[in-house]
Every structure is written in structure tokens, then in C-alpha cells.
Amino acid sequence: MDESGTARLPQMSELWQSTLNWQPNTQQQLQFQNLYDLILEGNRQLNLTRITTPEEFWEKHLWDSLRGVAPLLPSDSPQQVIDIGTGGGFPGILVAIATGWTVTLLDSTRKKITFLKTLLETLEIKNAIPICDRAEQIGQQPQQREHYDIALVRAVGPAAVCAEYALPLLQVGGLAILYRGQWTDNDTNALQLAVAQLGGRIESVEGFTTPLSQSVRHCLYLRKIAVTPQAFPRPVGIPGQSPLAAS
């Protein structure tokens, strides 16, 4: 904590560089700190996160969020990104701060989206757009379907469900990044059929450990290689009740 009693995030400049080959500049560090302060404040009214200590927040929200897009950094080319099931804004707000890409923050809980609107205004983040809706619904909207270059899905549900949410929203050639914990080759094999039905393929699976707690994480990279059939995503609730990999 500083002299005012405010919890301070660790800087971790060397860890950022050695693990992601990237590190935040001074302005980004300040935005991360202000984001942390606002999340702690919002947590009193909303269940945004159980992770509140500075070191845990740095590792499990900041670092983990940006680890998924690390293979794409640095990037000067503009990208249209959607964060599906953003919750408290992870990983989408971190990606918006770090990259300058335009990030749509999608969540079905209106209170969380209302909070994110206030948070973005306070932080003066202009390149993140909160939307209150369901992935199954916007995936069938002409202005949203096949609109995005990158789809991020973290802590939402089974991988096949995440794929059904994400791939219809991507342009052909786009990339879905699924954040997972434990993952096996059997999981990959089980997911392949679902991804193929959605017009995609599993491009790679990256396993890694987090730098402080040495927790196991994986990121799945799904490349969209063909137009997703119009039947997907299925109506609200159906992907979760009957995941493609299990059907």
C-alpha cells in the first residue's frame, strides 16, 4: 500500500518482458492501477471477482488476460475484437488498454455492463464498447455476425460452447482465443468435430504456467476457415444444454 492506504499493483516490468515479450508503458501502468481501484470499489456492490489482493490481481487478471493475446503483440494493425462474457471486463479491457484495438465487451448481466460503462468513462477508454446481450442472439444479428477479427472467451463454459459462441461472430480468417485451465490431448480431439461444424479448425493449443503461483493454464487458438452455417449459434441456452462435442 502507498501512504494513502491504497493497495498498489506490483510493477513487474521484468516479468512482463520475460514472459510476454511486452511491457506496459507508464500510462498503461497508471490505467491498470486505476482499473484495479475501480474494480475493488465496484466489488462492494457487484460480484466482479474473488481475486482482490494486488499480486493475485496482477497475475490472474492482468497477466493472464494479456497472455492470451501475447502471440499477436506488438501489433500496429487495427483489430475488431469481442470479449464474450466479459464480466468485470476481463480480458477485454486489458486488451483494449494494451493494444489500442477496438474491443466490444459483451455480457448478459445489465448491472455489470452499467458498471463497465461508468468504469470506461472514468478511465477515459474510448476503444471499448459495452453491450448487454447474449452471444447466441448477437451471433444471428447481421451487423454483428462475421464482423470481428478476434473473439476472446474466458471463464464462460465448456470449450465447445465457447466455440459456438465465438466462431459465428468472426470473419473468415479470424481467430478465437479460448482461455482454459487444465487441458489434454483428449480434450483437443473431442473439440475438433465441434469446431469443424462451425467452420473452424484448432490452430494451436499453448500450455503455460503463471509466473507467480505456477498455476497451469492453456490457451486454445481456433482459426475460422469457412463461413459458419446459419444454424449456429443455436437459440439461447441450447449450446450450454447440448454442447456440440457431446451431440
Protein backbone atom coordinates (compact mmCIF):
# COMPACT_ATOMS: atom_id res chain seq x y z
CA MET A 1 0.00 0.00 0.00
CA ASP A 2 1.06 3.61 -0.53
CA GLU A 3 0.99 6.38 2.07
CA SER A 4 -2.73 6.99 1.49
CA GLY A 5 -3.54 3.36 2.26
CA THR A 6 -4.31 2.46 -1.37
CA ALA A 7 -3.31 -1.05 -2.45
CA ARG A 8 -0.68 -0.78 -5.18
CA LEU A 9 -0.27 -3.23 -8.00
CA PRO A 10 3.26 -4.58 -8.45
CA GLN A 11 5.10 -3.15 -11.48
CA MET A 12 6.62 -6.45 -12.64
CA SER A 13 8.39 -4.84 -15.61
CA GLU A 14 10.97 -7.62 -15.96
CA LEU A 15 8.32 -10.35 -15.66
CA TRP A 16 6.12 -8.71 -18.29
CA GLN A 17 9.09 -8.58 -20.65
CA SER A 18 10.48 -12.05 -19.98
CA THR A 19 7.14 -13.87 -20.13
CA LEU A 20 5.17 -11.93 -22.77
CA ASN A 21 7.93 -10.06 -24.62
CA TRP A 22 5.90 -6.93 -23.86
CA GLN A 23 5.56 -4.50 -21.00
CA PRO A 24 3.20 -1.63 -20.27
CA ASN A 25 4.30 1.96 -20.61
CA THR A 26 3.82 4.48 -17.82
CA GLN A 27 0.33 5.47 -18.98
CA GLN A 28 -0.78 1.84 -19.23
CA GLN A 29 0.59 1.11 -15.75
CA LEU A 30 -1.47 4.01 -14.42
CA GLN A 31 -4.59 2.72 -16.19
CA PHE A 32 -4.02 -0.75 -14.72
CA GLN A 33 -3.80 0.76 -11.23
CA ASN A 34 -6.92 2.88 -11.73
CA LEU A 35 -8.76 -0.14 -13.12
CA TYR A 36 -7.79 -2.13 -10.04
CA ASP A 37 -9.04 0.64 -7.74
CA LEU A 38 -12.38 0.84 -9.57
CA ILE A 39 -12.84 -2.95 -9.60
CA LEU A 40 -12.25 -3.08 -5.84
CA GLU A 41 -14.81 -0.31 -5.38
CA GLY A 42 -17.34 -1.97 -7.68
CA ASN A 43 -16.83 -5.30 -5.95
CA ARG A 44 -18.66 -3.93 -2.91
CA GLN A 45 -21.92 -3.87 -4.88
CA LEU A 46 -21.30 -6.43 -7.62
CA ASN A 47 -19.69 -9.86 -7.64
CA LEU A 48 -16.99 -8.92 -10.14
CA THR A 49 -14.09 -11.02 -8.87
CA ARG A 50 -12.89 -13.01 -5.87
CA ILE A 51 -9.32 -12.05 -6.75
CA THR A 52 -8.56 -8.81 -4.93
CA THR A 53 -5.01 -8.84 -3.48
CA PRO A 54 -2.53 -6.85 -5.61
CA GLU A 55 -0.27 -9.79 -6.57
CA GLU A 56 -3.17 -12.13 -7.36
CA PHE A 57 -4.95 -9.45 -9.36
CA TRP A 58 -1.79 -8.76 -11.34
CA GLU A 59 -1.24 -12.44 -12.14
CA LYS A 60 -4.76 -13.81 -12.53
CA HIS A 61 -6.37 -10.83 -14.24
CA LEU A 62 -3.75 -8.56 -15.80
CA TRP A 63 -1.08 -11.06 -16.83
CA ASP A 64 -3.49 -13.91 -17.59
CA SER A 65 -5.70 -11.66 -19.74
CA LEU A 66 -2.78 -10.48 -21.85
CA ARG A 67 -1.12 -13.90 -22.07
CA GLY A 68 -3.86 -14.96 -24.48
CA VAL A 69 -3.03 -12.23 -27.00
CA ALA A 70 0.74 -12.24 -26.37
CA PRO A 71 1.47 -14.15 -29.62
CA LEU A 72 -0.15 -11.23 -31.51
CA LEU A 73 1.88 -8.47 -29.80
CA PRO A 74 3.12 -6.00 -30.71
CA SER A 75 0.55 -5.18 -33.37
CA ASP A 76 0.11 -1.89 -35.22
CA SER A 77 -2.74 -3.18 -37.36
CA PRO A 78 -6.24 -2.31 -36.08
CA GLN A 79 -8.37 -5.26 -34.99
CA GLN A 80 -12.06 -5.61 -34.20
CA VAL A 81 -12.25 -7.72 -31.02
CA ILE A 82 -15.16 -9.10 -29.00
CA ASP A 83 -14.84 -10.32 -25.40
CA ILE A 84 -17.69 -12.77 -24.83
CA GLY A 85 -18.94 -13.00 -21.24
CA THR A 86 -16.67 -10.17 -20.14
CA GLY A 87 -17.97 -9.96 -16.55
CA GLY A 88 -15.78 -7.38 -14.83
CA GLY A 89 -14.05 -6.58 -18.12
CA PHE A 90 -11.51 -9.41 -18.32
CA PRO A 91 -9.75 -9.93 -20.62
CA GLY A 92 -11.30 -7.28 -22.88
CA ILE A 93 -10.45 -4.05 -21.05
CA LEU A 94 -6.85 -5.16 -20.55
CA VAL A 95 -6.56 -5.94 -24.26
CA ALA A 96 -8.06 -2.54 -25.12
CA ILE A 97 -5.53 -0.77 -22.89
CA ALA A 98 -2.55 -2.78 -24.10
CA THR A 99 -3.24 -2.79 -27.85
CA GLY A 100 -5.45 0.12 -28.84
CA TRP A 101 -7.70 -2.34 -30.68
CA THR A 102 -11.46 -1.74 -30.69
CA VAL A 103 -12.94 -4.18 -28.16
CA THR A 104 -16.64 -4.97 -27.72
CA LEU A 105 -17.38 -6.08 -24.15
CA LEU A 106 -20.33 -8.49 -24.22
CA ASP A 107 -22.21 -9.63 -21.13
CA SER A 108 -25.81 -10.59 -20.44
CA THR A 109 -25.89 -9.05 -16.94
CA ARG A 110 -27.09 -5.46 -17.21
CA LYS A 111 -25.65 -4.38 -13.85
CA LYS A 112 -22.16 -5.41 -14.97
CA ILE A 113 -22.49 -3.59 -18.29
CA THR A 114 -23.74 -0.46 -16.49
CA PHE A 115 -20.70 -0.67 -14.20
CA LEU A 116 -18.35 -1.11 -17.17
CA LYS A 117 -19.79 1.96 -18.90
CA THR A 118 -19.00 4.06 -15.83
CA LEU A 119 -15.57 2.46 -15.49
CA LEU A 120 -14.67 3.18 -19.12
CA GLU A 121 -15.82 6.79 -18.81
CA THR A 122 -13.76 7.24 -15.64
CA LEU A 123 -10.65 5.72 -17.22
CA GLU A 124 -11.27 7.63 -20.48
CA ILE A 125 -11.00 4.43 -22.52
CA LYS A 126 -12.54 5.22 -25.90
CA ASN A 127 -11.84 1.96 -27.72
CA ALA A 128 -14.02 -0.39 -25.63
CA ILE A 129 -17.77 -0.72 -26.23
CA PRO A 130 -20.01 -2.45 -23.65
CA ILE A 131 -23.04 -4.36 -24.96
CA CYS A 132 -25.69 -6.12 -22.85
CA ASP A 133 -26.83 -9.16 -24.86
CA ARG A 134 -26.38 -12.89 -25.32
CA ALA A 135 -23.81 -14.41 -27.67
CA GLU A 136 -26.50 -16.66 -29.16
CA GLN A 137 -28.53 -13.61 -30.10
CA ILE A 138 -25.87 -11.28 -31.48
CA GLY A 139 -24.39 -14.19 -33.41
CA GLN A 140 -27.53 -14.10 -35.55
CA GLN A 141 -27.58 -10.31 -36.00
CA PRO A 142 -26.34 -9.24 -39.47
CA GLN A 143 -24.39 -6.26 -38.09
CA GLN A 144 -22.50 -8.50 -35.63
CA ARG A 145 -22.22 -11.85 -37.39
CA GLU A 146 -18.85 -12.36 -39.11
CA HIS A 147 -17.83 -8.84 -38.05
CA TYR A 148 -14.83 -9.50 -35.79
CA ASP A 149 -11.15 -10.33 -36.29
CA ILE A 150 -10.62 -11.78 -32.79
CA ALA A 151 -13.01 -13.30 -30.24
CA LEU A 152 -11.91 -13.78 -26.62
CA VAL A 153 -13.71 -16.20 -24.30
CA ARG A 154 -12.55 -16.60 -20.69
CA ALA A 155 -14.28 -18.39 -17.78
CA VAL A 156 -17.56 -18.87 -19.66
CA GLY A 157 -18.22 -22.61 -20.05
CA PRO A 158 -17.16 -25.81 -21.85
CA ALA A 159 -14.85 -25.28 -24.80
CA ALA A 160 -17.42 -26.48 -27.37
CA VAL A 161 -19.92 -23.95 -26.03
CA CYS A 162 -17.32 -21.17 -26.20
CA ALA A 163 -16.52 -22.15 -29.80
CA GLU A 164 -20.20 -21.98 -30.76
CA TYR A 165 -20.44 -18.51 -29.23
CA ALA A 166 -17.27 -17.22 -30.86
CA LEU A 167 -16.90 -18.60 -34.38
CA PRO A 168 -20.14 -17.22 -35.88
CA LEU A 169 -19.01 -13.72 -34.86
CA LEU A 170 -15.66 -13.99 -36.67
CA GLN A 171 -14.81 -13.10 -40.23
CA VAL A 172 -13.32 -15.95 -42.24
CA GLY A 173 -9.64 -15.88 -41.27
CA GLY A 174 -10.46 -14.60 -37.79
CA LEU A 175 -9.15 -16.08 -34.55
CA ALA A 176 -10.98 -17.25 -31.44
CA ILE A 177 -8.89 -17.40 -28.27
CA LEU A 178 -10.30 -19.64 -25.54
CA TYR A 179 -8.76 -19.29 -22.08
CA ARG A 180 -8.72 -22.61 -20.23
CA GLY A 181 -7.21 -24.16 -17.12
CA GLN A 182 -6.26 -27.82 -17.40
CA TRP A 183 -6.36 -29.25 -20.93
CA THR A 184 -5.38 -32.59 -22.50
CA ASP A 185 -4.89 -34.10 -25.95
CA ASN A 186 -8.17 -35.97 -25.42
CA ASP A 187 -9.90 -32.63 -24.88
CA THR A 188 -8.43 -31.40 -28.16
CA ASN A 189 -9.62 -34.48 -30.02
CA ALA A 190 -13.11 -34.14 -28.56
CA LEU A 191 -13.32 -30.49 -29.59
CA GLN A 192 -12.20 -30.93 -33.20
CA LEU A 193 -15.56 -32.11 -34.55
CA ALA A 194 -17.45 -29.25 -32.93
CA VAL A 195 -15.01 -26.68 -34.28
CA ALA A 196 -15.21 -28.20 -37.77
CA GLN A 197 -19.02 -27.95 -37.75
CA LEU A 198 -18.65 -24.24 -37.02
CA GLY A 199 -16.27 -23.57 -39.92
CA GLY A 200 -13.10 -23.59 -37.87
CA ARG A 201 -10.02 -25.60 -37.03
CA ILE A 202 -7.86 -25.85 -33.95
CA GLU A 203 -4.74 -23.96 -34.96
CA SER A 204 -2.78 -24.45 -31.75
CA VAL A 205 -3.00 -25.18 -28.04
CA GLU A 206 -0.50 -23.39 -25.81
CA GLY A 207 0.17 -24.62 -22.29
CA PHE A 208 1.99 -22.47 -19.75
CA THR A 209 2.32 -21.74 -16.05
CA THR A 210 1.55 -18.42 -14.43
CA PRO A 211 4.68 -16.57 -13.28
CA LEU A 212 3.92 -16.18 -9.56
CA SER A 213 1.80 -19.14 -8.42
CA GLN A 214 2.97 -21.54 -11.16
CA SER A 215 -0.65 -22.44 -11.95
CA VAL A 216 -1.30 -24.42 -15.13
CA ARG A 217 -3.15 -22.58 -17.91
CA HIS A 218 -3.88 -23.18 -21.58
CA CYS A 219 -4.98 -21.02 -24.46
CA LEU A 220 -6.76 -22.54 -27.45
CA TYR A 221 -6.44 -20.76 -30.78
CA LEU A 222 -9.25 -21.56 -33.23
CA ARG A 223 -8.93 -20.26 -36.77
CA LYS A 224 -12.09 -19.65 -38.79
CA ILE A 225 -11.53 -21.14 -42.24
CA ALA A 226 -15.07 -21.22 -43.68
CA VAL A 227 -18.41 -19.49 -43.27
CA THR A 228 -20.29 -20.78 -40.21
CA PRO A 229 -23.60 -22.48 -41.14
CA GLN A 230 -26.58 -20.23 -40.44
CA ALA A 231 -27.94 -22.70 -37.88
CA PHE A 232 -25.17 -21.65 -35.47
CA PRO A 233 -25.22 -20.33 -32.86
CA ARG A 234 -28.33 -22.20 -31.80
CA PRO A 235 -31.03 -20.40 -29.75
CA VAL A 236 -30.35 -19.07 -26.25
CA GLY A 237 -29.50 -21.82 -23.77
CA ILE A 238 -29.19 -24.65 -26.30
CA PRO A 239 -25.38 -24.56 -26.70
CA GLY A 240 -24.93 -24.89 -22.96
CA GLN A 241 -27.56 -27.61 -22.58
CA SER A 242 -26.30 -29.66 -25.53
CA PRO A 243 -22.68 -28.82 -26.44
CA LEU A 244 -21.74 -29.81 -29.99
CA ALA A 245 -18.87 -32.03 -28.86
CA ALA A 246 -21.33 -34.12 -26.84
CA SER A 247 -24.03 -34.36 -29.50
